[in-house]
Amino acid sequence: MKFSLHYTLQSKNSWNSAYQEFLKESILAEELGFYGIYVGEHHFAADGWCPSPIPVLAAAAAVTKQMKLGTDIIVLTLHNPIKVAEDIAVLDNISNGRSILGIGLGYRKEEYAAFSVDFKKKKEIYDDKIKVVKSLLQGEVIKINEFNIRIYPLPTQKPRPPIWLAAKSDEAIKAVLRRGDAWIMDPVTPIHLLEKKVRLFRETAHMLKKHVIDFPLRRECFVSKDKEELKKATESILRSYEEDYYKWGHLMTKEGMPIDPSRVPFNDIKDQLLDEMLIGTPSEVIEKIQVYKKLLGITELLLKIMFPGITHEMRKNSMRTISFEIMPYFKD
């Protein structure tokens, strides 16, 4: 199983420091044997959640040589799909064929409004934009009005970089293999619900005669043997969740129903959230990962370790602990 890192570059102190530390951690991650670096996208978050993943990944490409560099995810519906295809093609060339395009539908109405995209038509818009991106990355010509459009340069990878999709509903999960190559399992869906959804995904793949190689799962993570560090990291991660996912209405109950922040106090769901996170000592985290691997058949973990309140030194220590004490346990 592969271990990768996921970043959203949030910070309460210095955004400049967050980006500089990210680059240092990218170098360290490659030295420690991590498989990839993934960067997400959101807009207008006061903690500076990264709005532009591709430039960040291009910077990481310049300081690494082997790690995969992926978006997890770009909210494709907000963007011009031609520009997305061009940017990924350039990233693929800069990185010598290491890019992965992770995309999603998004769910925040204010983002749609700010980018002048009709929220009510998001599914149709999403489908149309995926088709454009796929065609262009594969070197195909698309017609816009009377013009034939083909992007240059083309990606290094052939026929194109992998396209991974975020999906939560059964309908969206079944559509993943029509749209792309892999399904990115999100960090907020409880594992027992993901188990059912993985079964649905595999059944759909079998029916479509599609051979799926990648089964990535994203989880929030901090590993340490120091009780005080674990306490501080736990508080920081929960605080970040309360300020972002909880207020955005992105969390769900154990039954899979959306949690309304105006009705359910955050304190009532803390334990449920912690159950889904990889926070603990090496042995505790290994035990959880074993369950994930058995129930979901995951091939790659995307571990988010950067949250406001977790220092650069704490993250580096956690990375080393993951590399030295957890990754060897799961070597294929």
C-alpha atoms as a PDB file:
ATOM      1  CA  MET A   1       0.000   0.000   0.000  1.00  0.00           C
ATOM      2  CA  LYS A   2       1.181   3.508  -0.836  1.00  0.00           C
ATOM      3  CA  PHE A   3       1.309   6.441   1.571  1.00  0.00           C
ATOM      4  CA  SER A   4       0.912  10.011   0.319  1.00  0.00           C
ATOM      5  CA  LEU A   5       0.360  13.445   1.842  1.00  0.00           C
ATOM      6  CA  HIS A   6      -2.574  15.783   1.315  1.00  0.00           C
ATOM      7  CA  TYR A   7      -2.386  19.554   1.778  1.00  0.00           C
ATOM      8  CA  THR A   8      -4.793  22.469   1.832  1.00  0.00           C
ATOM      9  CA  LEU A   9      -2.235  25.009   3.135  1.00  0.00           C
ATOM     10  CA  GLN A  10      -4.404  26.431   5.917  1.00  0.00           C
ATOM     11  CA  SER A  11      -2.769  28.748   8.445  1.00  0.00           C
ATOM     12  CA  LYS A  12      -3.799  31.209  11.150  1.00  0.00           C
ATOM     13  CA  ASN A  13      -0.373  32.851  11.429  1.00  0.00           C
ATOM     14  CA  SER A  14       1.479  33.272   8.138  1.00  0.00           C
ATOM     15  CA  TRP A  15       0.347  32.017   4.754  1.00  0.00           C
ATOM     16  CA  ASN A  16       3.810  32.688   3.380  1.00  0.00           C
ATOM     17  CA  SER A  17       5.273  30.375   6.026  1.00  0.00           C
ATOM     18  CA  ALA A  18       2.689  27.702   5.241  1.00  0.00           C
ATOM     19  CA  TYR A  19       3.751  27.591   1.590  1.00  0.00           C
ATOM     20  CA  GLN A  20       7.470  27.653   2.379  1.00  0.00           C
ATOM     21  CA  GLU A  21       7.019  24.848   4.907  1.00  0.00           C
ATOM     22  CA  PHE A  22       5.005  22.878   2.359  1.00  0.00           C
ATOM     23  CA  LEU A  23       7.959  22.941  -0.047  1.00  0.00           C
ATOM     24  CA  LYS A  24      10.350  21.797   2.677  1.00  0.00           C
ATOM     25  CA  GLU A  25       7.947  19.015   3.623  1.00  0.00           C
ATOM     26  CA  SER A  26       7.654  17.969  -0.022  1.00  0.00           C
ATOM     27  CA  ILE A  27      11.421  17.448  -0.146  1.00  0.00           C
ATOM     28  CA  LEU A  28      11.351  15.548   3.151  1.00  0.00           C
ATOM     29  CA  ALA A  29       8.382  13.448   2.013  1.00  0.00           C
ATOM     30  CA  GLU A  30      10.301  12.201  -1.003  1.00  0.00           C
ATOM     31  CA  GLU A  31      13.334  11.411   1.151  1.00  0.00           C
ATOM     32  CA  LEU A  32      11.081   9.438   3.519  1.00  0.00           C
ATOM     33  CA  GLY A  33       9.518   7.372   0.741  1.00  0.00           C
ATOM     34  CA  PHE A  34       6.061   8.910   0.455  1.00  0.00           C
ATOM     35  CA  TYR A  35       4.397   8.137  -2.867  1.00  0.00           C
ATOM     36  CA  GLY A  36       2.712  11.432  -3.687  1.00  0.00           C
ATOM     37  CA  ILE A  37       1.625  14.954  -2.750  1.00  0.00           C
ATOM     38  CA  TYR A  38      -1.971  16.074  -3.273  1.00  0.00           C
ATOM     39  CA  VAL A  39      -3.419  19.571  -2.908  1.00  0.00           C
ATOM     40  CA  GLY A  40      -7.082  20.550  -2.533  1.00  0.00           C
ATOM     41  CA  GLU A  41      -9.119  23.602  -3.515  1.00  0.00           C
ATOM     42  CA  HIS A  42     -11.626  25.816  -1.738  1.00  0.00           C
ATOM     43  CA  HIS A  43     -12.264  29.541  -1.795  1.00  0.00           C
ATOM     44  CA  PHE A  44     -12.922  32.348   0.689  1.00  0.00           C
ATOM     45  CA  ALA A  45     -11.921  30.369   3.798  1.00  0.00           C
ATOM     46  CA  ALA A  46     -10.468  32.685   6.457  1.00  0.00           C
ATOM     47  CA  ASP A  47      -7.715  30.186   7.237  1.00  0.00           C
ATOM     48  CA  GLY A  48      -6.425  30.474   3.663  1.00  0.00           C
ATOM     49  CA  TRP A  49      -7.520  27.085   2.314  1.00  0.00           C
ATOM     50  CA  CYS A  50      -5.620  26.830  -0.971  1.00  0.00           C
ATOM     51  CA  PRO A  51      -7.600  28.274  -3.921  1.00  0.00           C
ATOM     52  CA  SER A  52      -5.036  27.320  -6.606  1.00  0.00           C
ATOM     53  CA  PRO A  53      -3.653  23.763  -6.350  1.00  0.00           C
ATOM     54  CA  ILE A  54      -1.867  23.546  -9.703  1.00  0.00           C
ATOM     55  CA  PRO A  55       0.705  26.346  -9.121  1.00  0.00           C
ATOM     56  CA  VAL A  56       1.440  24.783  -5.733  1.00  0.00           C
ATOM     57  CA  LEU A  57       2.037  21.393  -7.350  1.00  0.00           C
ATOM     58  CA  ALA A  58       4.247  22.982  -9.997  1.00  0.00           C
ATOM     59  CA  ALA A  59       6.395  24.379  -7.190  1.00  0.00           C
ATOM     60  CA  ALA A  60       6.540  20.913  -5.609  1.00  0.00           C
ATOM     61  CA  ALA A  61       7.537  19.458  -8.987  1.00  0.00           C
ATOM     62  CA  ALA A  62      10.577  21.726  -9.007  1.00  0.00           C
ATOM     63  CA  VAL A  63      11.893  20.352  -5.699  1.00  0.00           C
ATOM     64  CA  THR A  64      11.030  16.650  -6.155  1.00  0.00           C
ATOM     65  CA  LYS A  65      11.832  14.001  -8.739  1.00  0.00           C
ATOM     66  CA  GLN A  66       9.693  10.921  -8.171  1.00  0.00           C
ATOM     67  CA  MET A  67       6.547  11.621  -6.172  1.00  0.00           C
ATOM     68  CA  LYS A  68       3.174  11.798  -7.880  1.00  0.00           C
ATOM     69  CA  LEU A  69       1.613  15.267  -7.859  1.00  0.00           C
ATOM     70  CA  GLY A  70      -2.159  15.371  -7.756  1.00  0.00           C
ATOM     71  CA  THR A  71      -5.093  17.668  -7.229  1.00  0.00           C
ATOM     72  CA  ASP A  72      -7.515  16.409  -4.602  1.00  0.00           C
ATOM     73  CA  ILE A  73      -9.605  18.001  -5.677  1.00  0.00           C
ATOM     74  CA  ILE A  74     -10.125  20.795  -8.180  1.00  0.00           C
ATOM     75  CA  VAL A  75     -13.739  21.965  -8.157  1.00  0.00           C
ATOM     76  CA  LEU A  76     -13.997  21.546 -11.907  1.00  0.00           C
ATOM     77  CA  THR A  77     -17.422  23.137 -12.257  1.00  0.00           C
ATOM     78  CA  LEU A  78     -15.988  26.509 -11.221  1.00  0.00           C
ATOM     79  CA  HIS A  79     -13.379  26.639 -13.977  1.00  0.00           C
ATOM     80  CA  ASN A  80     -12.923  26.893 -17.711  1.00  0.00           C
ATOM     81  CA  PRO A  81     -12.200  23.256 -18.659  1.00  0.00           C
ATOM     82  CA  ILE A  82      -9.836  24.276 -21.462  1.00  0.00           C
ATOM     83  CA  LYS A  83      -7.681  26.181 -18.972  1.00  0.00           C
ATOM     84  CA  VAL A  84      -7.741  23.227 -16.556  1.00  0.00           C
ATOM     85  CA  ALA A  85      -6.600  20.873 -19.332  1.00  0.00           C
ATOM     86  CA  GLU A  86      -3.819  23.265 -20.369  1.00  0.00           C
ATOM     87  CA  ASP A  87      -2.633  23.749 -16.786  1.00  0.00           C
ATOM     88  CA  ILE A  88      -2.537  20.003 -16.095  1.00  0.00           C
ATOM     89  CA  ALA A  89      -0.695  19.396 -19.369  1.00  0.00           C
ATOM     90  CA  VAL A  90       1.929  21.968 -18.380  1.00  0.00           C
ATOM     91  CA  LEU A  91       2.210  20.459 -14.883  1.00  0.00           C
ATOM     92  CA  ASP A  92       2.658  17.026 -16.435  1.00  0.00           C
ATOM     93  CA  ASN A  93       5.536  18.313 -18.543  1.00  0.00           C
ATOM     94  CA  ILE A  94       7.163  20.218 -15.677  1.00  0.00           C
ATOM     95  CA  SER A  95       6.973  17.105 -13.480  1.00  0.00           C
ATOM     96  CA  ASN A  96       8.049  14.682 -16.222  1.00  0.00           C
ATOM     97  CA  GLY A  97       4.758  12.799 -16.230  1.00  0.00           C
ATOM     98  CA  ARG A  98       3.884  12.732 -12.530  1.00  0.00           C
ATOM     99  CA  SER A  99       0.524  14.520 -12.499  1.00  0.00           C
ATOM    100  CA  ILE A 100      -2.868  13.176 -11.407  1.00  0.00           C
ATOM    101  CA  LEU A 101      -5.999  15.233 -12.015  1.00  0.00           C
ATOM    102  CA  GLY A 102      -8.424  14.846  -9.134  1.00  0.00           C
ATOM    103  CA  ILE A 103     -11.734  16.615  -9.697  1.00  0.00           C
ATOM    104  CA  GLY A 104     -15.017  17.105  -7.904  1.00  0.00           C
ATOM    105  CA  LEU A 105     -18.389  18.760  -8.131  1.00  0.00           C
ATOM    106  CA  GLY A 106     -18.120  20.989  -5.086  1.00  0.00           C
ATOM    107  CA  TYR A 107     -20.953  21.861  -2.737  1.00  0.00           C
ATOM    108  CA  ARG A 108     -20.534  25.452  -1.540  1.00  0.00           C
ATOM    109  CA  LYS A 109     -23.095  27.823  -3.037  1.00  0.00           C
ATOM    110  CA  GLU A 110     -20.965  30.908  -2.398  1.00  0.00           C
ATOM    111  CA  GLU A 111     -18.167  29.475  -4.555  1.00  0.00           C
ATOM    112  CA  TYR A 112     -20.606  28.855  -7.400  1.00  0.00           C
ATOM    113  CA  ALA A 113     -22.029  32.364  -7.070  1.00  0.00           C
ATOM    114  CA  ALA A 114     -18.588  33.988  -7.040  1.00  0.00           C
ATOM    115  CA  PHE A 115     -17.563  32.141 -10.208  1.00  0.00           C
ATOM    116  CA  SER A 116     -20.922  32.858 -11.904  1.00  0.00           C
ATOM    117  CA  VAL A 117     -21.846  29.172 -12.226  1.00  0.00           C
ATOM    118  CA  ASP A 118     -25.462  28.016 -11.883  1.00  0.00           C
ATOM    119  CA  PHE A 119     -25.593  25.806  -8.766  1.00  0.00           C
ATOM    120  CA  LYS A 120     -28.868  24.220  -9.866  1.00  0.00           C
ATOM    121  CA  LYS A 121     -27.274  22.975 -13.096  1.00  0.00           C
ATOM    122  CA  LYS A 122     -24.016  21.805 -11.525  1.00  0.00           C
ATOM    123  CA  LYS A 123     -24.338  18.128 -12.507  1.00  0.00           C
ATOM    124  CA  GLU A 124     -24.881  18.857 -16.202  1.00  0.00           C
ATOM    125  CA  ILE A 125     -22.092  21.450 -16.175  1.00  0.00           C
ATOM    126  CA  TYR A 126     -19.769  18.967 -14.452  1.00  0.00           C
ATOM    127  CA  ASP A 127     -20.410  16.243 -17.023  1.00  0.00           C
ATOM    128  CA  ASP A 128     -19.837  18.613 -19.927  1.00  0.00           C
ATOM    129  CA  LYS A 129     -16.585  19.961 -18.477  1.00  0.00           C
ATOM    130  CA  ILE A 130     -15.218  16.480 -17.744  1.00  0.00           C
ATOM    131  CA  LYS A 131     -15.753  15.503 -21.381  1.00  0.00           C
ATOM    132  CA  VAL A 132     -13.882  18.603 -22.563  1.00  0.00           C
ATOM    133  CA  VAL A 133     -10.934  18.044 -20.205  1.00  0.00           C
ATOM    134  CA  LYS A 134     -10.606  14.351 -21.108  1.00  0.00           C
ATOM    135  CA  SER A 135     -10.769  14.998 -24.842  1.00  0.00           C
ATOM    136  CA  LEU A 136      -8.207  17.790 -24.766  1.00  0.00           C
ATOM    137  CA  LEU A 137      -5.742  15.910 -22.558  1.00  0.00           C
ATOM    138  CA  GLN A 138      -5.927  12.990 -24.991  1.00  0.00           C
ATOM    139  CA  GLY A 139      -4.954  15.261 -27.875  1.00  0.00           C
ATOM    140  CA  GLU A 140      -8.397  15.325 -29.427  1.00  0.00           C
ATOM    141  CA  VAL A 141      -9.933  18.294 -31.206  1.00  0.00           C
ATOM    142  CA  ILE A 142     -13.094  19.864 -29.826  1.00  0.00           C
ATOM    143  CA  LYS A 143     -15.312  22.283 -31.724  1.00  0.00           C
ATOM    144  CA  ILE A 144     -16.307  25.603 -30.181  1.00  0.00           C
ATOM    145  CA  ASN A 145     -18.551  27.664 -32.431  1.00  0.00           C
ATOM    146  CA  GLU A 146     -16.762  27.516 -35.802  1.00  0.00           C
ATOM    147  CA  PHE A 147     -13.322  26.888 -34.294  1.00  0.00           C
ATOM    148  CA  ASN A 148     -11.429  23.616 -33.882  1.00  0.00           C
ATOM    149  CA  ILE A 149      -9.583  23.654 -30.560  1.00  0.00           C
ATOM    150  CA  ARG A 150      -6.613  21.473 -29.629  1.00  0.00           C
ATOM    151  CA  ILE A 151      -4.303  22.210 -26.703  1.00  0.00           C
ATOM    152  CA  TYR A 152      -0.513  22.488 -26.812  1.00  0.00           C
ATOM    153  CA  PRO A 153       1.629  21.195 -25.219  1.00  0.00           C
ATOM    154  CA  LEU A 154       0.093  17.788 -24.694  1.00  0.00           C
ATOM    155  CA  PRO A 155       0.806  15.937 -21.436  1.00  0.00           C
ATOM    156  CA  THR A 156       3.839  13.678 -21.118  1.00  0.00           C
ATOM    157  CA  GLN A 157       1.681  10.739 -19.965  1.00  0.00           C
ATOM    158  CA  LYS A 158      -0.177   8.799 -22.642  1.00  0.00           C
ATOM    159  CA  PRO A 159      -3.004   8.677 -23.395  1.00  0.00           C
ATOM    160  CA  ARG A 160      -3.334  11.324 -20.630  1.00  0.00           C
ATOM    161  CA  PRO A 161      -2.765  11.806 -16.893  1.00  0.00           C
ATOM    162  CA  PRO A 162      -5.069   9.733 -14.652  1.00  0.00           C
ATOM    163  CA  ILE A 163      -8.375  11.383 -13.780  1.00  0.00           C
ATOM    164  CA  TRP A 164      -9.670  10.672 -10.289  1.00  0.00           C
ATOM    165  CA  LEU A 165     -13.078  11.779  -9.079  1.00  0.00           C
ATOM    166  CA  ALA A 166     -14.521  12.639  -5.700  1.00  0.00           C
ATOM    167  CA  ALA A 167     -18.003  11.181  -5.197  1.00  0.00           C
ATOM    168  CA  LYS A 168     -20.306  10.684  -2.214  1.00  0.00           C
ATOM    169  CA  SER A 169     -23.739   9.729  -3.530  1.00  0.00           C
ATOM    170  CA  ASP A 170     -24.418   6.288  -5.010  1.00  0.00           C
ATOM    171  CA  GLU A 171     -25.322   7.943  -8.301  1.00  0.00           C
ATOM    172  CA  ALA A 172     -22.006   9.811  -8.472  1.00  0.00           C
ATOM    173  CA  ILE A 173     -20.003   6.733  -7.470  1.00  0.00           C
ATOM    174  CA  LYS A 174     -21.567   4.667 -10.257  1.00  0.00           C
ATOM    175  CA  ALA A 175     -20.700   7.448 -12.724  1.00  0.00           C
ATOM    176  CA  VAL A 176     -16.999   7.599 -11.778  1.00  0.00           C
ATOM    177  CA  LEU A 177     -15.839   4.994 -14.295  1.00  0.00           C
ATOM    178  CA  ARG A 178     -17.778   6.640 -17.093  1.00  0.00           C
ATOM    179  CA  ARG A 179     -16.068   9.906 -16.276  1.00  0.00           C
ATOM    180  CA  GLY A 180     -12.569   8.874 -15.231  1.00  0.00           C
ATOM    181  CA  ASP A 181     -10.220   6.268 -13.800  1.00  0.00           C
ATOM    182  CA  ALA A 182     -10.574   6.105 -10.011  1.00  0.00           C
ATOM    183  CA  TRP A 183     -12.745   7.166  -7.101  1.00  0.00           C
ATOM    184  CA  ILE A 184     -11.190   9.218  -4.287  1.00  0.00           C
ATOM    185  CA  MET A 185     -12.849   8.192  -1.036  1.00  0.00           C
ATOM    186  CA  ASP A 186     -13.458  11.294   1.079  1.00  0.00           C
ATOM    187  CA  PRO A 187     -12.391  11.927   4.691  1.00  0.00           C
ATOM    188  CA  VAL A 188     -15.833  12.544   6.190  1.00  0.00           C
ATOM    189  CA  THR A 189     -17.884   9.497   5.153  1.00  0.00           C
ATOM    190  CA  PRO A 190     -17.879   6.892   7.968  1.00  0.00           C
ATOM    191  CA  ILE A 191     -15.953   3.747   7.108  1.00  0.00           C
ATOM    192  CA  HIS A 192     -18.946   1.422   7.505  1.00  0.00           C
ATOM    193  CA  LEU A 193     -20.792   3.473   4.867  1.00  0.00           C
ATOM    194  CA  LEU A 194     -17.738   3.563   2.602  1.00  0.00           C
ATOM    195  CA  GLU A 195     -17.631  -0.232   2.773  1.00  0.00           C
ATOM    196  CA  LYS A 196     -21.086  -0.406   1.153  1.00  0.00           C
ATOM    197  CA  LYS A 197     -20.149   2.209  -1.418  1.00  0.00           C
ATOM    198  CA  VAL A 198     -16.936   0.375  -2.334  1.00  0.00           C
ATOM    199  CA  ARG A 199     -18.993  -2.745  -2.931  1.00  0.00           C
ATOM    200  CA  LEU A 200     -21.277  -0.743  -5.240  1.00  0.00           C
ATOM    201  CA  PHE A 201     -18.246   0.726  -7.042  1.00  0.00           C
ATOM    202  CA  ARG A 202     -16.638  -2.674  -7.592  1.00  0.00           C
ATOM    203  CA  GLU A 203     -19.916  -4.150  -8.839  1.00  0.00           C
ATOM    204  CA  THR A 204     -20.243  -1.268 -11.301  1.00  0.00           C
ATOM    205  CA  ALA A 205     -16.651  -1.765 -12.486  1.00  0.00           C
ATOM    206  CA  HIS A 206     -17.308  -5.478 -13.018  1.00  0.00           C
ATOM    207  CA  MET A 207     -20.482  -4.744 -14.957  1.00  0.00           C
ATOM    208  CA  LEU A 208     -18.653  -2.230 -17.168  1.00  0.00           C
ATOM    209  CA  LYS A 209     -15.674  -4.603 -17.526  1.00  0.00           C
ATOM    210  CA  LYS A 210     -13.367  -1.880 -16.194  1.00  0.00           C
ATOM    211  CA  HIS A 211     -10.159  -2.863 -14.425  1.00  0.00           C
ATOM    212  CA  VAL A 212      -9.573  -0.397 -11.593  1.00  0.00           C
ATOM    213  CA  ILE A 213      -6.011  -0.139 -10.287  1.00  0.00           C
ATOM    214  CA  ASP A 214      -6.228   2.691  -7.760  1.00  0.00           C
ATOM    215  CA  PHE A 215      -8.372   2.826  -4.622  1.00  0.00           C
ATOM    216  CA  PRO A 216      -7.262   6.006  -2.795  1.00  0.00           C
ATOM    217  CA  LEU A 217      -8.675   7.047   0.580  1.00  0.00           C
ATOM    218  CA  ARG A 218      -8.138  10.442   2.208  1.00  0.00           C
ATOM    219  CA  ARG A 219      -7.977  10.730   5.990  1.00  0.00           C
ATOM    220  CA  GLU A 220      -6.860  13.315   8.531  1.00  0.00           C
ATOM    221  CA  CYS A 221      -3.722  12.112  10.280  1.00  0.00           C
ATOM    222  CA  PHE A 222      -1.261  12.764  13.052  1.00  0.00           C
ATOM    223  CA  VAL A 223       0.999  10.085  14.523  1.00  0.00           C
ATOM    224  CA  SER A 224       3.122  10.500  17.642  1.00  0.00           C
ATOM    225  CA  LYS A 225       4.216   8.722  20.811  1.00  0.00           C
ATOM    226  CA  ASP A 226       4.022  12.015  22.712  1.00  0.00           C
ATOM    227  CA  LYS A 227       0.687  12.434  24.550  1.00  0.00           C
ATOM    228  CA  GLU A 228       0.906  16.224  24.644  1.00  0.00           C
ATOM    229  CA  GLU A 229       1.588  16.397  20.889  1.00  0.00           C
ATOM    230  CA  LEU A 230      -1.372  14.111  20.203  1.00  0.00           C
ATOM    231  CA  LYS A 231      -3.615  16.250  22.414  1.00  0.00           C
ATOM    232  CA  LYS A 232      -2.546  19.456  20.653  1.00  0.00           C
ATOM    233  CA  ALA A 233      -2.946  17.900  17.193  1.00  0.00           C
ATOM    234  CA  THR A 234      -6.386  16.507  18.040  1.00  0.00           C
ATOM    235  CA  GLU A 235      -7.593  19.898  19.260  1.00  0.00           C
ATOM    236  CA  SER A 236      -6.166  21.631  16.173  1.00  0.00           C
ATOM    237  CA  ILE A 237      -7.781  19.222  13.710  1.00  0.00           C
ATOM    238  CA  LEU A 238     -11.173  19.388  15.427  1.00  0.00           C
ATOM    239  CA  ARG A 239     -11.006  23.198  15.553  1.00  0.00           C
ATOM    240  CA  SER A 240     -10.288  23.273  11.817  1.00  0.00           C
ATOM    241  CA  TYR A 241     -13.199  20.934  11.140  1.00  0.00           C
ATOM    242  CA  GLU A 242     -15.535  23.123  13.167  1.00  0.00           C
ATOM    243  CA  GLU A 243     -14.502  26.256  11.280  1.00  0.00           C
ATOM    244  CA  ASP A 244     -14.694  24.736   7.801  1.00  0.00           C
ATOM    245  CA  TYR A 245     -16.463  21.427   7.073  1.00  0.00           C
ATOM    246  CA  TYR A 246     -18.955  21.789   9.941  1.00  0.00           C
ATOM    247  CA  LYS A 247     -19.981  25.360   9.079  1.00  0.00           C
ATOM    248  CA  TRP A 248     -20.109  24.463   5.372  1.00  0.00           C
ATOM    249  CA  GLY A 249     -22.583  21.637   6.097  1.00  0.00           C
ATOM    250  CA  HIS A 250     -20.211  19.014   4.685  1.00  0.00           C
ATOM    251  CA  LEU A 251     -20.336  16.525   7.568  1.00  0.00           C
ATOM    252  CA  MET A 252     -22.723  13.600   7.967  1.00  0.00           C
ATOM    253  CA  THR A 253     -24.211  11.394  10.651  1.00  0.00           C
ATOM    254  CA  LYS A 254     -23.256   7.742  11.093  1.00  0.00           C
ATOM    255  CA  GLU A 255     -26.335   6.980   9.019  1.00  0.00           C
ATOM    256  CA  GLY A 256     -25.081   9.135   6.160  1.00  0.00           C
ATOM    257  CA  MET A 257     -27.462  12.062   6.635  1.00  0.00           C
ATOM    258  CA  PRO A 258     -26.176  15.657   6.339  1.00  0.00           C
ATOM    259  CA  ILE A 259     -25.489  17.376   9.653  1.00  0.00           C
ATOM    260  CA  ASP A 260     -27.186  20.756   9.966  1.00  0.00           C
ATOM    261  CA  PRO A 261     -24.832  22.995  11.993  1.00  0.00           C
ATOM    262  CA  SER A 262     -27.782  25.129  13.106  1.00  0.00           C
ATOM    263  CA  ARG A 263     -29.335  22.104  14.832  1.00  0.00           C
ATOM    264  CA  VAL A 264     -26.495  19.814  15.880  1.00  0.00           C
ATOM    265  CA  PRO A 265     -23.814  21.232  18.231  1.00  0.00           C
ATOM    266  CA  PHE A 266     -20.273  20.464  17.117  1.00  0.00           C
ATOM    267  CA  ASN A 267     -19.446  18.935  20.507  1.00  0.00           C
ATOM    268  CA  ASP A 268     -22.052  16.236  19.827  1.00  0.00           C
ATOM    269  CA  ILE A 269     -20.127  14.874  16.839  1.00  0.00           C
ATOM    270  CA  LYS A 270     -16.500  15.164  17.981  1.00  0.00           C
ATOM    271  CA  ASP A 271     -16.169  11.498  18.956  1.00  0.00           C
ATOM    272  CA  GLN A 272     -17.707  10.365  15.672  1.00  0.00           C
ATOM    273  CA  LEU A 273     -15.225  12.498  13.714  1.00  0.00           C
ATOM    274  CA  LEU A 274     -12.242  11.215  15.682  1.00  0.00           C
ATOM    275  CA  ASP A 275     -13.323   7.638  14.967  1.00  0.00           C
ATOM    276  CA  GLU A 276     -12.753   8.337  11.257  1.00  0.00           C
ATOM    277  CA  MET A 277      -9.337   9.989  11.687  1.00  0.00           C
ATOM    278  CA  LEU A 278      -5.879   8.450  11.908  1.00  0.00           C
ATOM    279  CA  ILE A 279      -4.729  10.184  15.078  1.00  0.00           C
ATOM    280  CA  GLY A 280      -2.757   8.228  17.648  1.00  0.00           C
ATOM    281  CA  THR A 281       0.346   6.229  18.416  1.00  0.00           C
ATOM    282  CA  PRO A 282       1.916   4.116  15.652  1.00  0.00           C
ATOM    283  CA  SER A 283       0.271   0.937  16.938  1.00  0.00           C
ATOM    284  CA  GLU A 284      -3.159   2.593  17.172  1.00  0.00           C
ATOM    285  CA  VAL A 285      -2.915   3.982  13.646  1.00  0.00           C
ATOM    286  CA  ILE A 286      -1.634   0.684  12.230  1.00  0.00           C
ATOM    287  CA  GLU A 287      -4.658  -1.054  13.726  1.00  0.00           C
ATOM    288  CA  LYS A 288      -7.046   1.396  12.046  1.00  0.00           C
ATOM    289  CA  ILE A 289      -5.298   1.179   8.684  1.00  0.00           C
ATOM    290  CA  GLN A 290      -5.538  -2.613   8.821  1.00  0.00           C
ATOM    291  CA  VAL A 291      -9.304  -2.265   9.153  1.00  0.00           C
ATOM    292  CA  TYR A 292      -9.450   0.204   6.252  1.00  0.00           C
ATOM    293  CA  LYS A 293      -7.416  -2.099   4.048  1.00  0.00           C
ATOM    294  CA  LYS A 294      -9.536  -5.131   4.897  1.00  0.00           C
ATOM    295  CA  LEU A 295     -12.926  -3.429   4.496  1.00  0.00           C
ATOM    296  CA  LEU A 296     -12.174  -1.114   1.569  1.00  0.00           C
ATOM    297  CA  GLY A 297      -9.271  -2.684  -0.308  1.00  0.00           C
ATOM    298  CA  ILE A 298      -7.487   0.660  -0.436  1.00  0.00           C
ATOM    299  CA  THR A 299      -4.236   0.943  -2.386  1.00  0.00           C
ATOM    300  CA  GLU A 300      -3.199   4.431  -1.274  1.00  0.00           C
ATOM    301  CA  LEU A 301      -3.731   6.631   1.771  1.00  0.00           C
ATOM    302  CA  LEU A 302      -3.787  10.404   1.293  1.00  0.00           C
ATOM    303  CA  LEU A 303      -2.899  11.745   4.729  1.00  0.00           C
ATOM    304  CA  LYS A 304      -3.667  15.343   5.632  1.00  0.00           C
ATOM    305  CA  ILE A 305      -1.207  16.442   8.297  1.00  0.00           C
ATOM    306  CA  MET A 306      -1.193  20.261   7.988  1.00  0.00           C
ATOM    307  CA  PHE A 307      -3.754  22.094  10.111  1.00  0.00           C
ATOM    308  CA  PRO A 308      -3.543  25.476  11.862  1.00  0.00           C
ATOM    309  CA  GLY A 309      -1.977  24.833  15.266  1.00  0.00           C
ATOM    310  CA  ILE A 310       0.151  21.859  14.175  1.00  0.00           C
ATOM    311  CA  THR A 311       3.665  23.231  13.783  1.00  0.00           C
ATOM    312  CA  HIS A 312       6.161  22.474  11.032  1.00  0.00           C
ATOM    313  CA  GLU A 313       8.318  20.530  13.508  1.00  0.00           C
ATOM    314  CA  MET A 314       5.333  18.489  14.705  1.00  0.00           C
ATOM    315  CA  ARG A 315       4.440  17.610  11.126  1.00  0.00           C
ATOM    316  CA  LYS A 316       7.997  16.584  10.266  1.00  0.00           C
ATOM    317  CA  ASN A 317       8.132  14.357  13.346  1.00  0.00           C
ATOM    318  CA  SER A 318       4.812  12.785  12.388  1.00  0.00           C
ATOM    319  CA  MET A 319       6.029  12.204   8.825  1.00  0.00           C
ATOM    320  CA  ARG A 320       9.140  10.453  10.113  1.00  0.00           C
ATOM    321  CA  THR A 321       7.091   8.284  12.457  1.00  0.00           C
ATOM    322  CA  ILE A 322       4.771   7.289   9.615  1.00  0.00           C
ATOM    323  CA  SER A 323       7.745   6.497   7.389  1.00  0.00           C
ATOM    324  CA  PHE A 324       9.789   4.528   9.919  1.00  0.00           C
ATOM    325  CA  GLU A 325       7.089   2.777  11.951  1.00  0.00           C
ATOM    326  CA  ILE A 326       3.946   2.496   9.831  1.00  0.00           C
ATOM    327  CA  MET A 327       4.881   2.337   6.158  1.00  0.00           C
ATOM    328  CA  PRO A 328       7.157  -0.728   6.551  1.00  0.00           C
ATOM    329  CA  TYR A 329       4.244  -2.616   8.106  1.00  0.00           C
ATOM    330  CA  PHE A 330       2.219  -2.246   4.906  1.00  0.00           C
ATOM    331  CA  LYS A 331       4.898  -2.920   2.304  1.00  0.00           C
ATOM    332  CA  ASP A 332       3.462  -5.148  -0.431  1.00  0.00           C
END
